[in-house]
N, C-alpha and C. Protein backbone atom coordinates (compact mmCIF):
# COMPACT_ATOMS: atom_id res chain seq x y z
N MET A 1 -52.08 10.96 -21.36
CA MET A 1 -50.68 10.57 -21.54
C MET A 1 -50.34 9.45 -20.54
N LEU A 2 -49.67 8.41 -21.05
CA LEU A 2 -49.31 7.31 -20.17
C LEU A 2 -48.33 7.76 -19.09
N SER A 3 -47.48 8.78 -19.41
CA SER A 3 -46.50 9.24 -18.44
C SER A 3 -47.15 9.91 -17.25
N ASP A 4 -48.42 10.32 -17.40
CA ASP A 4 -49.11 10.99 -16.31
C ASP A 4 -49.95 10.03 -15.48
N ILE A 5 -49.88 8.74 -15.78
CA ILE A 5 -50.68 7.75 -15.08
C ILE A 5 -49.83 7.11 -13.98
N TYR A 6 -50.31 7.15 -12.78
CA TYR A 6 -49.60 6.56 -11.64
C TYR A 6 -50.51 5.56 -10.96
N CYS A 7 -49.91 4.55 -10.43
CA CYS A 7 -50.66 3.54 -9.71
C CYS A 7 -50.60 3.86 -8.23
N LEU A 8 -51.75 4.12 -7.62
CA LEU A 8 -51.82 4.44 -6.21
C LEU A 8 -52.61 3.38 -5.47
N VAL A 9 -52.19 3.09 -4.27
CA VAL A 9 -52.90 2.14 -3.42
C VAL A 9 -53.48 2.92 -2.26
N PHE A 10 -54.77 2.78 -2.08
CA PHE A 10 -55.45 3.49 -1.00
C PHE A 10 -56.00 2.47 -0.03
N GLN A 11 -55.55 2.54 1.21
CA GLN A 11 -56.00 1.60 2.22
C GLN A 11 -56.92 2.30 3.21
N ALA A 12 -58.12 1.82 3.31
CA ALA A 12 -59.09 2.40 4.25
C ALA A 12 -59.16 1.50 5.48
N ASP A 13 -58.38 1.83 6.48
CA ASP A 13 -58.33 1.03 7.70
C ASP A 13 -59.32 1.62 8.70
N ILE A 14 -60.57 1.23 8.56
CA ILE A 14 -61.63 1.80 9.40
C ILE A 14 -62.47 0.68 9.99
N LYS A 15 -63.24 1.05 11.00
CA LYS A 15 -64.11 0.07 11.67
C LYS A 15 -65.55 0.16 11.16
N LEU A 16 -65.87 1.23 10.43
CA LEU A 16 -67.25 1.41 9.94
C LEU A 16 -67.53 0.47 8.77
N PRO A 17 -68.78 0.16 8.51
CA PRO A 17 -69.14 -0.74 7.39
C PRO A 17 -68.63 -0.22 6.06
N GLY A 18 -68.52 1.08 5.89
CA GLY A 18 -68.07 1.64 4.62
C GLY A 18 -67.99 3.15 4.69
N ILE A 19 -67.44 3.74 3.65
CA ILE A 19 -67.36 5.21 3.58
C ILE A 19 -67.92 5.64 2.23
N PRO A 20 -68.40 6.87 2.17
CA PRO A 20 -68.96 7.37 0.90
C PRO A 20 -67.92 7.34 -0.21
N PHE A 21 -68.39 7.08 -1.43
CA PHE A 21 -67.48 6.98 -2.57
C PHE A 21 -66.75 8.29 -2.83
N PHE A 22 -67.42 9.43 -2.57
CA PHE A 22 -66.79 10.72 -2.87
C PHE A 22 -65.56 10.96 -1.98
N VAL A 23 -65.55 10.33 -0.79
CA VAL A 23 -64.40 10.47 0.10
C VAL A 23 -63.20 9.71 -0.49
N VAL A 24 -63.46 8.50 -0.99
CA VAL A 24 -62.40 7.72 -1.62
C VAL A 24 -61.88 8.44 -2.86
N LYS A 25 -62.81 8.98 -3.66
CA LYS A 25 -62.44 9.68 -4.89
C LYS A 25 -61.56 10.90 -4.58
N LYS A 26 -61.96 11.67 -3.55
CA LYS A 26 -61.21 12.86 -3.18
C LYS A 26 -59.80 12.49 -2.68
N ALA A 27 -59.72 11.40 -1.89
CA ALA A 27 -58.41 10.97 -1.36
C ALA A 27 -57.48 10.55 -2.49
N LEU A 28 -58.02 9.82 -3.47
CA LEU A 28 -57.20 9.39 -4.60
C LEU A 28 -56.71 10.56 -5.43
N GLU A 29 -57.60 11.52 -5.65
CA GLU A 29 -57.22 12.70 -6.45
C GLU A 29 -56.13 13.50 -5.76
N GLU A 30 -56.29 13.73 -4.45
CA GLU A 30 -55.29 14.50 -3.73
C GLU A 30 -53.97 13.73 -3.61
N GLY A 31 -54.08 12.41 -3.49
CA GLY A 31 -52.87 11.59 -3.45
C GLY A 31 -52.13 11.64 -4.77
N PHE A 32 -52.86 11.64 -5.86
CA PHE A 32 -52.25 11.72 -7.19
C PHE A 32 -51.49 13.03 -7.35
N VAL A 33 -52.11 14.15 -6.94
CA VAL A 33 -51.47 15.46 -7.03
C VAL A 33 -50.20 15.50 -6.16
N ALA A 34 -50.31 14.99 -4.94
CA ALA A 34 -49.16 15.01 -4.03
C ALA A 34 -48.01 14.15 -4.57
N THR A 35 -48.34 12.98 -5.13
CA THR A 35 -47.31 12.10 -5.68
C THR A 35 -46.59 12.77 -6.84
N LYS A 36 -47.35 13.42 -7.71
CA LYS A 36 -46.76 14.11 -8.86
C LYS A 36 -45.84 15.25 -8.41
N LYS A 37 -46.23 15.93 -7.34
CA LYS A 37 -45.41 17.03 -6.82
C LYS A 37 -44.09 16.49 -6.25
N ILE A 38 -44.18 15.37 -5.51
CA ILE A 38 -42.98 14.77 -4.92
C ILE A 38 -42.02 14.30 -6.00
N LEU A 39 -42.57 13.66 -7.05
CA LEU A 39 -41.72 13.19 -8.15
C LEU A 39 -41.05 14.36 -8.86
N GLY A 40 -41.76 15.49 -8.94
CA GLY A 40 -41.19 16.68 -9.57
C GLY A 40 -40.02 17.23 -8.76
N ILE A 41 -40.18 17.26 -7.45
CA ILE A 41 -39.10 17.74 -6.58
C ILE A 41 -37.89 16.82 -6.69
N MET A 42 -38.14 15.52 -6.71
CA MET A 42 -37.05 14.55 -6.83
C MET A 42 -36.31 14.72 -8.15
N SER A 43 -37.06 14.96 -9.23
CA SER A 43 -36.46 15.12 -10.55
C SER A 43 -35.61 16.38 -10.63
N GLU A 44 -36.06 17.46 -9.96
CA GLU A 44 -35.28 18.70 -9.95
C GLU A 44 -33.99 18.54 -9.15
N THR A 45 -34.05 17.72 -8.09
CA THR A 45 -32.87 17.53 -7.24
C THR A 45 -31.81 16.68 -7.94
N ILE A 46 -32.23 15.55 -8.52
CA ILE A 46 -31.31 14.69 -9.27
C ILE A 46 -32.11 14.00 -10.36
N GLY A 47 -31.80 14.34 -11.60
CA GLY A 47 -32.58 13.85 -12.72
C GLY A 47 -32.26 12.43 -13.15
N SER A 48 -31.06 11.92 -12.77
CA SER A 48 -30.66 10.57 -13.17
C SER A 48 -29.70 10.02 -12.12
N PRO A 49 -29.47 8.71 -12.12
CA PRO A 49 -28.54 8.13 -11.13
C PRO A 49 -27.14 8.71 -11.27
N ARG A 50 -26.43 8.83 -10.16
CA ARG A 50 -25.06 9.33 -10.19
C ARG A 50 -24.16 8.34 -10.92
N LYS A 51 -23.24 8.88 -11.71
CA LYS A 51 -22.31 8.03 -12.44
C LYS A 51 -21.25 7.45 -11.53
N GLU A 52 -20.93 8.18 -10.46
CA GLU A 52 -19.92 7.71 -9.51
C GLU A 52 -20.50 7.72 -8.11
N LEU A 53 -20.13 6.73 -7.33
CA LEU A 53 -20.59 6.66 -5.95
C LEU A 53 -19.85 7.67 -5.09
N LYS A 54 -20.46 8.07 -4.01
CA LYS A 54 -19.79 8.95 -3.06
C LYS A 54 -18.62 8.22 -2.43
N ALA A 55 -17.62 8.99 -1.99
CA ALA A 55 -16.42 8.39 -1.40
C ALA A 55 -16.74 7.61 -0.13
N CYS A 56 -17.80 8.01 0.55
CA CYS A 56 -18.15 7.34 1.80
C CYS A 56 -19.11 6.17 1.59
N GLY A 57 -19.49 5.91 0.35
CA GLY A 57 -20.44 4.85 0.06
C GLY A 57 -19.78 3.48 0.02
N PRO A 58 -20.53 2.42 0.26
CA PRO A 58 -19.99 1.06 0.22
C PRO A 58 -19.56 0.66 -1.19
N VAL A 59 -18.59 -0.22 -1.27
CA VAL A 59 -18.03 -0.66 -2.54
C VAL A 59 -17.97 -2.19 -2.56
N THR A 60 -18.28 -2.77 -3.69
CA THR A 60 -18.17 -4.23 -3.82
C THR A 60 -17.49 -4.58 -5.13
N GLU A 61 -16.66 -5.60 -5.10
CA GLU A 61 -15.94 -6.05 -6.29
C GLU A 61 -15.87 -7.58 -6.29
N LYS A 62 -15.68 -8.12 -7.48
CA LYS A 62 -15.51 -9.56 -7.63
C LYS A 62 -14.03 -9.85 -7.82
N LEU A 63 -13.51 -10.79 -7.05
CA LEU A 63 -12.10 -11.14 -7.10
C LEU A 63 -11.95 -12.58 -7.58
N GLU A 64 -11.18 -12.75 -8.66
CA GLU A 64 -10.93 -14.10 -9.18
C GLU A 64 -9.48 -14.47 -8.92
N LEU A 65 -9.28 -15.66 -8.35
CA LEU A 65 -7.95 -16.10 -7.97
C LEU A 65 -7.70 -17.53 -8.46
N ASP A 66 -6.43 -17.79 -8.78
CA ASP A 66 -6.03 -19.16 -9.09
C ASP A 66 -6.18 -20.00 -7.83
N HIS A 67 -6.41 -21.29 -8.05
CA HIS A 67 -6.60 -22.19 -6.91
C HIS A 67 -5.39 -22.18 -5.98
N SER A 68 -4.20 -22.00 -6.54
CA SER A 68 -2.98 -22.02 -5.73
C SER A 68 -2.89 -20.85 -4.77
N LYS A 69 -3.58 -19.75 -5.09
CA LYS A 69 -3.51 -18.56 -4.24
C LYS A 69 -4.71 -18.43 -3.29
N GLN A 70 -5.73 -19.23 -3.52
CA GLN A 70 -6.93 -19.12 -2.69
C GLN A 70 -6.65 -19.46 -1.24
N SER A 71 -5.87 -20.50 -1.01
CA SER A 71 -5.56 -20.89 0.36
C SER A 71 -4.74 -19.82 1.07
N LYS A 72 -3.90 -19.11 0.31
CA LYS A 72 -3.11 -18.03 0.90
C LYS A 72 -4.01 -16.88 1.33
N LEU A 73 -5.03 -16.59 0.53
CA LEU A 73 -5.95 -15.51 0.86
C LEU A 73 -6.78 -15.86 2.09
N VAL A 74 -7.31 -17.07 2.11
CA VAL A 74 -8.17 -17.48 3.22
C VAL A 74 -7.37 -17.63 4.51
N GLY A 75 -6.19 -18.25 4.41
CA GLY A 75 -5.37 -18.48 5.59
C GLY A 75 -5.87 -19.70 6.35
N MET A 76 -5.04 -20.18 7.26
CA MET A 76 -5.39 -21.35 8.04
C MET A 76 -6.62 -21.08 8.90
N GLY A 77 -7.67 -21.86 8.68
CA GLY A 77 -8.89 -21.69 9.46
C GLY A 77 -9.58 -20.36 9.21
N GLY A 78 -9.29 -19.73 8.04
CA GLY A 78 -9.91 -18.44 7.74
C GLY A 78 -9.25 -17.27 8.45
N TYR A 79 -8.00 -17.47 8.94
CA TYR A 79 -7.31 -16.43 9.73
C TYR A 79 -7.15 -15.13 8.94
N ASN A 80 -6.71 -15.21 7.67
CA ASN A 80 -6.48 -13.99 6.89
C ASN A 80 -7.76 -13.21 6.63
N LEU A 81 -8.87 -13.92 6.40
CA LEU A 81 -10.14 -13.23 6.15
C LEU A 81 -10.61 -12.51 7.41
N ARG A 82 -10.42 -13.13 8.57
CA ARG A 82 -10.78 -12.48 9.84
C ARG A 82 -9.89 -11.27 10.10
N LYS A 83 -8.62 -11.39 9.72
CA LYS A 83 -7.69 -10.28 9.88
C LYS A 83 -8.09 -9.10 8.99
N LEU A 84 -8.47 -9.38 7.76
CA LEU A 84 -8.95 -8.34 6.84
C LEU A 84 -10.14 -7.60 7.43
N LYS A 85 -11.09 -8.35 7.96
CA LYS A 85 -12.31 -7.74 8.50
C LYS A 85 -12.02 -6.89 9.72
N SER A 86 -11.15 -7.38 10.61
CA SER A 86 -10.87 -6.65 11.84
C SER A 86 -10.06 -5.39 11.60
N GLU A 87 -9.18 -5.41 10.59
CA GLU A 87 -8.29 -4.26 10.35
C GLU A 87 -8.85 -3.26 9.34
N THR A 88 -9.69 -3.72 8.41
CA THR A 88 -10.20 -2.81 7.37
C THR A 88 -11.72 -2.72 7.33
N GLY A 89 -12.41 -3.68 7.96
CA GLY A 89 -13.87 -3.70 7.87
C GLY A 89 -14.37 -4.34 6.60
N VAL A 90 -13.48 -4.92 5.81
CA VAL A 90 -13.83 -5.52 4.53
C VAL A 90 -14.17 -6.99 4.72
N MET A 91 -15.27 -7.42 4.09
CA MET A 91 -15.70 -8.81 4.17
C MET A 91 -15.47 -9.50 2.83
N VAL A 92 -14.89 -10.69 2.88
CA VAL A 92 -14.63 -11.48 1.67
C VAL A 92 -15.38 -12.80 1.79
N THR A 93 -16.25 -13.07 0.84
CA THR A 93 -17.03 -14.32 0.85
C THR A 93 -16.85 -15.04 -0.49
N ARG A 94 -16.84 -16.34 -0.41
CA ARG A 94 -16.64 -17.14 -1.62
C ARG A 94 -17.92 -17.18 -2.45
N ILE A 95 -17.77 -17.00 -3.77
CA ILE A 95 -18.88 -17.10 -4.71
C ILE A 95 -18.94 -18.50 -5.30
N ASP A 96 -17.80 -18.93 -5.84
CA ASP A 96 -17.69 -20.27 -6.42
C ASP A 96 -16.26 -20.75 -6.26
N GLU A 97 -15.87 -21.75 -7.02
CA GLU A 97 -14.55 -22.36 -6.86
C GLU A 97 -13.40 -21.45 -7.26
N SER A 98 -13.68 -20.40 -8.02
CA SER A 98 -12.59 -19.56 -8.52
C SER A 98 -12.73 -18.08 -8.18
N SER A 99 -13.80 -17.68 -7.54
CA SER A 99 -14.00 -16.25 -7.30
C SER A 99 -14.55 -15.96 -5.90
N PHE A 100 -14.31 -14.71 -5.46
CA PHE A 100 -14.76 -14.23 -4.17
C PHE A 100 -15.46 -12.89 -4.34
N GLN A 101 -16.38 -12.58 -3.44
CA GLN A 101 -17.05 -11.29 -3.41
C GLN A 101 -16.41 -10.46 -2.30
N VAL A 102 -15.93 -9.26 -2.65
CA VAL A 102 -15.28 -8.37 -1.68
C VAL A 102 -16.20 -7.19 -1.42
N PHE A 103 -16.60 -7.00 -0.16
CA PHE A 103 -17.49 -5.89 0.21
C PHE A 103 -16.77 -4.99 1.20
N ALA A 104 -16.66 -3.70 0.86
CA ALA A 104 -15.97 -2.73 1.71
C ALA A 104 -16.92 -1.60 2.09
N PRO A 105 -16.79 -1.05 3.30
CA PRO A 105 -17.67 0.06 3.72
C PRO A 105 -17.43 1.34 2.94
N ASN A 106 -16.24 1.50 2.34
CA ASN A 106 -15.94 2.67 1.52
C ASN A 106 -14.75 2.37 0.62
N ALA A 107 -14.43 3.32 -0.27
CA ALA A 107 -13.36 3.11 -1.26
C ALA A 107 -11.99 3.01 -0.60
N ASP A 108 -11.76 3.80 0.46
CA ASP A 108 -10.46 3.76 1.15
C ASP A 108 -10.22 2.39 1.76
N ALA A 109 -11.26 1.81 2.38
CA ALA A 109 -11.14 0.49 2.98
C ALA A 109 -10.87 -0.56 1.91
N MET A 110 -11.51 -0.41 0.75
CA MET A 110 -11.28 -1.35 -0.35
C MET A 110 -9.83 -1.29 -0.82
N ALA A 111 -9.29 -0.07 -0.94
CA ALA A 111 -7.90 0.09 -1.40
C ALA A 111 -6.93 -0.53 -0.39
N GLU A 112 -7.19 -0.31 0.90
CA GLU A 112 -6.33 -0.88 1.93
C GLU A 112 -6.40 -2.41 1.92
N ALA A 113 -7.62 -2.94 1.75
CA ALA A 113 -7.80 -4.39 1.72
C ALA A 113 -7.10 -5.00 0.51
N LYS A 114 -7.14 -4.32 -0.62
CA LYS A 114 -6.48 -4.83 -1.83
C LYS A 114 -4.98 -4.98 -1.61
N GLU A 115 -4.38 -3.98 -0.95
CA GLU A 115 -2.95 -4.06 -0.68
C GLU A 115 -2.63 -5.25 0.22
N MET A 116 -3.47 -5.44 1.24
CA MET A 116 -3.26 -6.57 2.14
C MET A 116 -3.43 -7.90 1.42
N MET A 117 -4.44 -7.99 0.55
CA MET A 117 -4.69 -9.23 -0.18
C MET A 117 -3.56 -9.54 -1.16
N GLU A 118 -2.97 -8.50 -1.76
CA GLU A 118 -1.84 -8.71 -2.66
C GLU A 118 -0.65 -9.27 -1.90
N GLU A 119 -0.43 -8.74 -0.69
CA GLU A 119 0.68 -9.24 0.12
C GLU A 119 0.43 -10.68 0.55
N MET A 120 -0.83 -10.99 0.86
CA MET A 120 -1.17 -12.34 1.30
C MET A 120 -1.01 -13.38 0.20
N THR A 121 -1.30 -12.98 -1.03
CA THR A 121 -1.33 -13.95 -2.14
C THR A 121 -0.08 -13.94 -3.00
N GLU A 122 0.83 -12.98 -2.79
CA GLU A 122 2.02 -12.94 -3.63
C GLU A 122 2.92 -14.14 -3.31
N ASP A 123 3.65 -14.57 -4.32
CA ASP A 123 4.53 -15.73 -4.18
C ASP A 123 5.83 -15.31 -3.49
N GLN A 124 5.96 -15.70 -2.24
CA GLN A 124 7.16 -15.42 -1.48
C GLN A 124 7.75 -16.75 -0.99
N LYS A 125 9.05 -16.82 -1.00
CA LYS A 125 9.71 -18.05 -0.58
C LYS A 125 9.58 -18.21 0.93
N GLU A 126 9.08 -19.35 1.32
CA GLU A 126 8.91 -19.63 2.74
C GLU A 126 10.25 -20.04 3.34
N PRO A 127 10.67 -19.37 4.42
CA PRO A 127 11.95 -19.74 5.02
C PRO A 127 11.92 -21.18 5.55
N THR A 128 13.07 -21.81 5.53
CA THR A 128 13.17 -23.19 5.98
C THR A 128 13.38 -23.24 7.49
N LEU A 129 12.59 -24.05 8.16
CA LEU A 129 12.75 -24.25 9.60
C LEU A 129 13.67 -25.44 9.83
N GLU A 130 14.57 -25.28 10.78
CA GLU A 130 15.55 -26.33 11.05
C GLU A 130 15.04 -27.26 12.15
N PHE A 131 15.05 -28.54 11.87
CA PHE A 131 14.57 -29.53 12.85
C PHE A 131 15.40 -29.42 14.13
N GLY A 132 14.71 -29.36 15.28
CA GLY A 132 15.38 -29.29 16.57
C GLY A 132 15.77 -27.89 16.99
N ALA A 133 15.61 -26.90 16.08
CA ALA A 133 15.97 -25.52 16.42
C ALA A 133 14.88 -24.89 17.27
N ILE A 134 15.25 -23.83 17.97
CA ILE A 134 14.31 -23.12 18.84
C ILE A 134 14.07 -21.73 18.27
N TYR A 135 12.79 -21.35 18.21
CA TYR A 135 12.40 -20.08 17.62
C TYR A 135 11.48 -19.32 18.57
N THR A 136 11.47 -18.00 18.41
CA THR A 136 10.50 -17.17 19.12
C THR A 136 9.43 -16.74 18.12
N GLY A 137 8.20 -16.78 18.54
CA GLY A 137 7.09 -16.38 17.68
C GLY A 137 6.06 -15.62 18.46
N LYS A 138 5.07 -15.09 17.73
CA LYS A 138 4.01 -14.29 18.35
C LYS A 138 2.68 -15.02 18.24
N ILE A 139 1.93 -15.01 19.33
CA ILE A 139 0.60 -15.62 19.32
C ILE A 139 -0.35 -14.70 18.56
N VAL A 140 -1.00 -15.24 17.54
CA VAL A 140 -1.91 -14.43 16.72
C VAL A 140 -3.37 -14.83 16.90
N GLU A 141 -3.61 -15.97 17.55
CA GLU A 141 -5.00 -16.41 17.76
C GLU A 141 -5.06 -17.45 18.87
N LEU A 142 -6.09 -17.34 19.70
CA LEU A 142 -6.33 -18.33 20.75
C LEU A 142 -7.43 -19.27 20.29
N LYS A 143 -7.23 -20.56 20.48
CA LYS A 143 -8.25 -21.56 20.18
C LYS A 143 -8.50 -22.40 21.42
N GLU A 144 -9.59 -23.14 21.40
CA GLU A 144 -9.92 -23.98 22.55
C GLU A 144 -8.86 -25.07 22.75
N PHE A 145 -8.24 -25.51 21.67
CA PHE A 145 -7.29 -26.62 21.74
C PHE A 145 -5.84 -26.18 21.61
N GLY A 146 -5.59 -24.86 21.62
CA GLY A 146 -4.22 -24.39 21.53
C GLY A 146 -4.14 -22.94 21.07
N VAL A 147 -2.94 -22.54 20.63
CA VAL A 147 -2.75 -21.17 20.14
C VAL A 147 -2.08 -21.24 18.77
N MET A 148 -2.35 -20.23 17.94
CA MET A 148 -1.71 -20.14 16.63
C MET A 148 -0.52 -19.20 16.77
N VAL A 149 0.66 -19.69 16.39
CA VAL A 149 1.90 -18.94 16.57
C VAL A 149 2.48 -18.57 15.20
N GLU A 150 2.82 -17.30 15.04
CA GLU A 150 3.44 -16.84 13.81
C GLU A 150 4.95 -16.75 14.04
N LEU A 151 5.70 -17.60 13.33
CA LEU A 151 7.16 -17.58 13.44
C LEU A 151 7.79 -16.65 12.42
N HIS A 152 7.07 -16.42 11.31
CA HIS A 152 7.56 -15.54 10.24
C HIS A 152 6.38 -15.11 9.38
N PRO A 153 6.37 -13.86 8.87
CA PRO A 153 5.25 -13.40 8.04
C PRO A 153 4.99 -14.27 6.82
N ASN A 154 6.02 -14.95 6.31
CA ASN A 154 5.85 -15.78 5.12
C ASN A 154 5.48 -17.22 5.44
N ILE A 155 5.31 -17.53 6.73
CA ILE A 155 4.89 -18.86 7.14
C ILE A 155 3.53 -18.76 7.80
N ARG A 156 2.61 -19.60 7.39
CA ARG A 156 1.28 -19.59 8.01
C ARG A 156 1.41 -19.85 9.51
N PRO A 157 0.54 -19.22 10.31
CA PRO A 157 0.57 -19.48 11.75
C PRO A 157 0.49 -20.97 12.04
N ILE A 158 1.30 -21.43 12.98
CA ILE A 158 1.41 -22.85 13.32
C ILE A 158 0.69 -23.11 14.63
N LEU A 159 -0.03 -24.21 14.70
CA LEU A 159 -0.75 -24.57 15.91
C LEU A 159 0.20 -25.09 16.98
N LEU A 160 0.14 -24.46 18.14
CA LEU A 160 0.82 -24.96 19.33
C LEU A 160 -0.26 -25.54 20.23
N HIS A 161 -0.37 -26.86 20.22
CA HIS A 161 -1.46 -27.54 20.91
C HIS A 161 -1.36 -27.39 22.42
N ASN A 162 -2.52 -27.44 23.07
CA ASN A 162 -2.55 -27.33 24.54
C ASN A 162 -1.61 -28.34 25.20
N SER A 163 -1.52 -29.52 24.61
CA SER A 163 -0.68 -30.57 25.19
C SER A 163 0.80 -30.23 25.11
N GLN A 164 1.16 -29.23 24.26
CA GLN A 164 2.56 -28.85 24.10
C GLN A 164 2.85 -27.47 24.68
N LEU A 165 1.90 -26.93 25.43
CA LEU A 165 2.08 -25.59 26.01
C LEU A 165 2.91 -25.62 27.28
N ASP A 166 2.72 -26.63 28.10
CA ASP A 166 3.33 -26.64 29.42
C ASP A 166 3.49 -28.08 29.91
N GLN A 167 4.41 -28.25 30.87
CA GLN A 167 4.59 -29.57 31.46
C GLN A 167 3.34 -30.01 32.21
N ARG A 168 2.60 -29.03 32.73
CA ARG A 168 1.34 -29.34 33.41
C ARG A 168 0.23 -29.50 32.37
N LYS A 169 -0.86 -30.13 32.77
CA LYS A 169 -2.00 -30.30 31.89
C LYS A 169 -2.70 -28.96 31.72
N VAL A 170 -2.93 -28.56 30.47
CA VAL A 170 -3.53 -27.25 30.17
C VAL A 170 -4.82 -27.45 29.40
N SER A 171 -5.91 -26.85 29.90
CA SER A 171 -7.19 -26.94 29.20
C SER A 171 -7.39 -25.76 28.27
N HIS A 172 -6.73 -24.62 28.58
CA HIS A 172 -6.83 -23.43 27.72
C HIS A 172 -5.62 -22.56 27.97
N ALA A 173 -5.13 -21.91 26.92
CA ALA A 173 -3.92 -21.09 27.02
C ALA A 173 -4.06 -19.95 28.02
N SER A 174 -5.28 -19.46 28.20
CA SER A 174 -5.50 -18.34 29.12
C SER A 174 -5.15 -18.70 30.56
N SER A 175 -5.17 -19.99 30.89
CA SER A 175 -4.83 -20.42 32.25
C SER A 175 -3.35 -20.18 32.54
N LEU A 176 -2.54 -20.03 31.49
CA LEU A 176 -1.12 -19.73 31.65
C LEU A 176 -0.84 -18.24 31.49
N GLY A 177 -1.92 -17.46 31.31
CA GLY A 177 -1.75 -16.02 31.12
C GLY A 177 -1.36 -15.64 29.71
N LEU A 178 -1.45 -16.58 28.79
CA LEU A 178 -1.09 -16.29 27.39
C LEU A 178 -2.25 -15.63 26.67
N ASP A 179 -1.91 -14.70 25.78
CA ASP A 179 -2.94 -14.00 25.02
C ASP A 179 -2.37 -13.58 23.66
N VAL A 180 -3.24 -13.10 22.79
CA VAL A 180 -2.81 -12.65 21.46
C VAL A 180 -1.80 -11.52 21.61
N GLY A 181 -0.70 -11.61 20.87
CA GLY A 181 0.34 -10.59 20.94
C GLY A 181 1.53 -11.01 21.79
N HIS A 182 1.34 -12.00 22.66
CA HIS A 182 2.44 -12.47 23.50
C HIS A 182 3.44 -13.28 22.67
N GLU A 183 4.71 -13.18 23.04
CA GLU A 183 5.75 -13.97 22.38
C GLU A 183 5.98 -15.26 23.15
N VAL A 184 6.20 -16.33 22.42
CA VAL A 184 6.49 -17.63 23.03
C VAL A 184 7.72 -18.23 22.35
N THR A 185 8.43 -19.02 23.10
CA THR A 185 9.60 -19.72 22.58
C THR A 185 9.24 -21.19 22.40
N VAL A 186 9.51 -21.71 21.21
CA VAL A 186 9.11 -23.08 20.89
C VAL A 186 10.26 -23.82 20.21
N LYS A 187 10.17 -25.13 20.25
CA LYS A 187 11.14 -25.99 19.56
C LYS A 187 10.44 -26.64 18.37
N TYR A 188 11.16 -26.70 17.26
CA TYR A 188 10.57 -27.21 16.02
C TYR A 188 10.91 -28.68 15.82
N PHE A 189 9.86 -29.47 15.50
CA PHE A 189 10.02 -30.91 15.32
C PHE A 189 9.60 -31.38 13.92
N GLY A 190 9.79 -30.54 12.93
CA GLY A 190 9.49 -30.95 11.57
C GLY A 190 7.99 -31.00 11.29
N ARG A 191 7.65 -31.71 10.21
CA ARG A 191 6.25 -31.82 9.80
C ARG A 191 5.66 -33.17 10.19
N ASP A 192 4.37 -33.14 10.47
CA ASP A 192 3.66 -34.38 10.76
C ASP A 192 3.61 -35.22 9.48
N PRO A 193 4.05 -36.48 9.52
CA PRO A 193 4.08 -37.30 8.30
C PRO A 193 2.70 -37.56 7.70
N ALA A 194 1.66 -37.48 8.52
CA ALA A 194 0.31 -37.74 8.00
C ALA A 194 -0.34 -36.49 7.44
N SER A 195 -0.33 -35.40 8.18
CA SER A 195 -1.01 -34.18 7.76
C SER A 195 -0.11 -33.18 7.06
N GLY A 196 1.19 -33.27 7.30
CA GLY A 196 2.13 -32.32 6.70
C GLY A 196 2.23 -31.01 7.46
N ASN A 197 1.52 -30.89 8.58
CA ASN A 197 1.54 -29.67 9.38
C ASN A 197 2.83 -29.58 10.20
N HIS A 198 3.28 -28.33 10.43
CA HIS A 198 4.46 -28.12 11.26
C HIS A 198 4.15 -28.54 12.70
N ARG A 199 5.17 -29.06 13.39
CA ARG A 199 5.00 -29.46 14.78
C ARG A 199 5.95 -28.65 15.66
N ILE A 200 5.40 -28.00 16.68
CA ILE A 200 6.21 -27.21 17.60
C ILE A 200 5.79 -27.53 19.04
N SER A 201 6.71 -27.29 19.97
CA SER A 201 6.43 -27.57 21.37
C SER A 201 7.07 -26.50 22.25
N ARG A 202 6.37 -26.15 23.28
CA ARG A 202 6.87 -25.20 24.29
C ARG A 202 7.29 -25.94 25.55
N LYS A 203 6.61 -27.01 25.85
CA LYS A 203 6.85 -27.68 27.13
C LYS A 203 8.20 -28.38 27.18
N VAL A 204 8.74 -28.78 26.01
CA VAL A 204 10.03 -29.46 26.02
C VAL A 204 11.16 -28.51 26.41
N LEU A 205 10.90 -27.21 26.36
CA LEU A 205 11.92 -26.24 26.72
C LEU A 205 11.93 -25.94 28.21
N GLN A 206 11.01 -26.54 28.92
CA GLN A 206 10.95 -26.31 30.37
C GLN A 206 11.85 -27.31 31.09
N SER A 207 13.06 -27.44 30.56
CA SER A 207 14.05 -28.33 31.14
C SER A 207 15.42 -27.75 30.82
N PRO A 208 16.46 -28.11 31.55
CA PRO A 208 17.81 -27.55 31.30
C PRO A 208 18.37 -27.95 29.95
N GLY A 209 19.38 -27.18 29.52
CA GLY A 209 20.06 -27.49 28.27
C GLY A 209 19.39 -26.90 27.06
N ILE A 210 18.81 -25.69 27.17
CA ILE A 210 18.14 -25.05 26.03
C ILE A 210 19.18 -24.42 25.11
N PRO A 211 19.20 -24.76 23.83
CA PRO A 211 20.17 -24.19 22.88
C PRO A 211 19.82 -22.75 22.51
N LEU A 212 20.63 -22.18 21.63
CA LEU A 212 20.45 -20.80 21.20
C LEU A 212 19.11 -20.62 20.49
N ILE A 213 18.43 -19.52 20.81
CA ILE A 213 17.12 -19.22 20.21
C ILE A 213 17.31 -18.57 18.86
N ARG A 214 16.52 -19.00 17.89
CA ARG A 214 16.50 -18.41 16.56
C ARG A 214 15.21 -17.64 16.38
N ASN A 215 15.32 -16.40 15.92
CA ASN A 215 14.13 -15.56 15.71
C ASN A 215 13.98 -15.29 14.22
N LEU A 216 12.91 -15.79 13.63
CA LEU A 216 12.67 -15.59 12.19
C LEU A 216 11.95 -14.30 11.90
N ASN A 217 11.34 -13.67 12.91
CA ASN A 217 10.57 -12.45 12.68
C ASN A 217 11.50 -11.27 12.45
N PRO A 218 11.38 -10.60 11.29
CA PRO A 218 12.25 -9.45 11.01
C PRO A 218 11.89 -8.28 11.91
N LYS A 219 12.87 -7.51 12.32
CA LYS A 219 12.64 -6.33 13.16
C LYS A 219 12.19 -5.16 12.29
């Protein structure tokens, strides 16, 4: 019967010129019997693949998004993807121009990540920032050339460059004792005409005559 035929590999790792053929024959025969016994035990334990994965098993899904929502999912400099990984353990990698691969350590993490991704990609009206107004925001990321400040959940984190951190020359935000989670007060100067990025400054507030602070972050 073809079903009773198994392919076995026998490796004789010896230093002698050779071994008697009956030794090889006996080893193959005993190996065949042992293999058949192991396969029988495996078949009795589980005869076919499970239809559903265990709750603690890893999960992967393919996510397809419109081009307009892809930038919202990724976030500035990949901020949202790093946030997903740090808070849920879920990794999101791009497959092609319209789809992403989502890998989660378990089903619960996948469900939590899906909720976060829906919030990140949903169409929400971005609040309008007033030119010359002063806002309080939270530092969400430290970079070599500045810090990323979140003024509102519906606005992407804005770069506060090292040159705008303090009246003194700053090589890194940590030299001022700033870290992720700290609140900073900044003045808004509209968008850069070339890049379209928001422009904010902290150092201009280190002088008298500071107007009323506006806080966009909901309590």
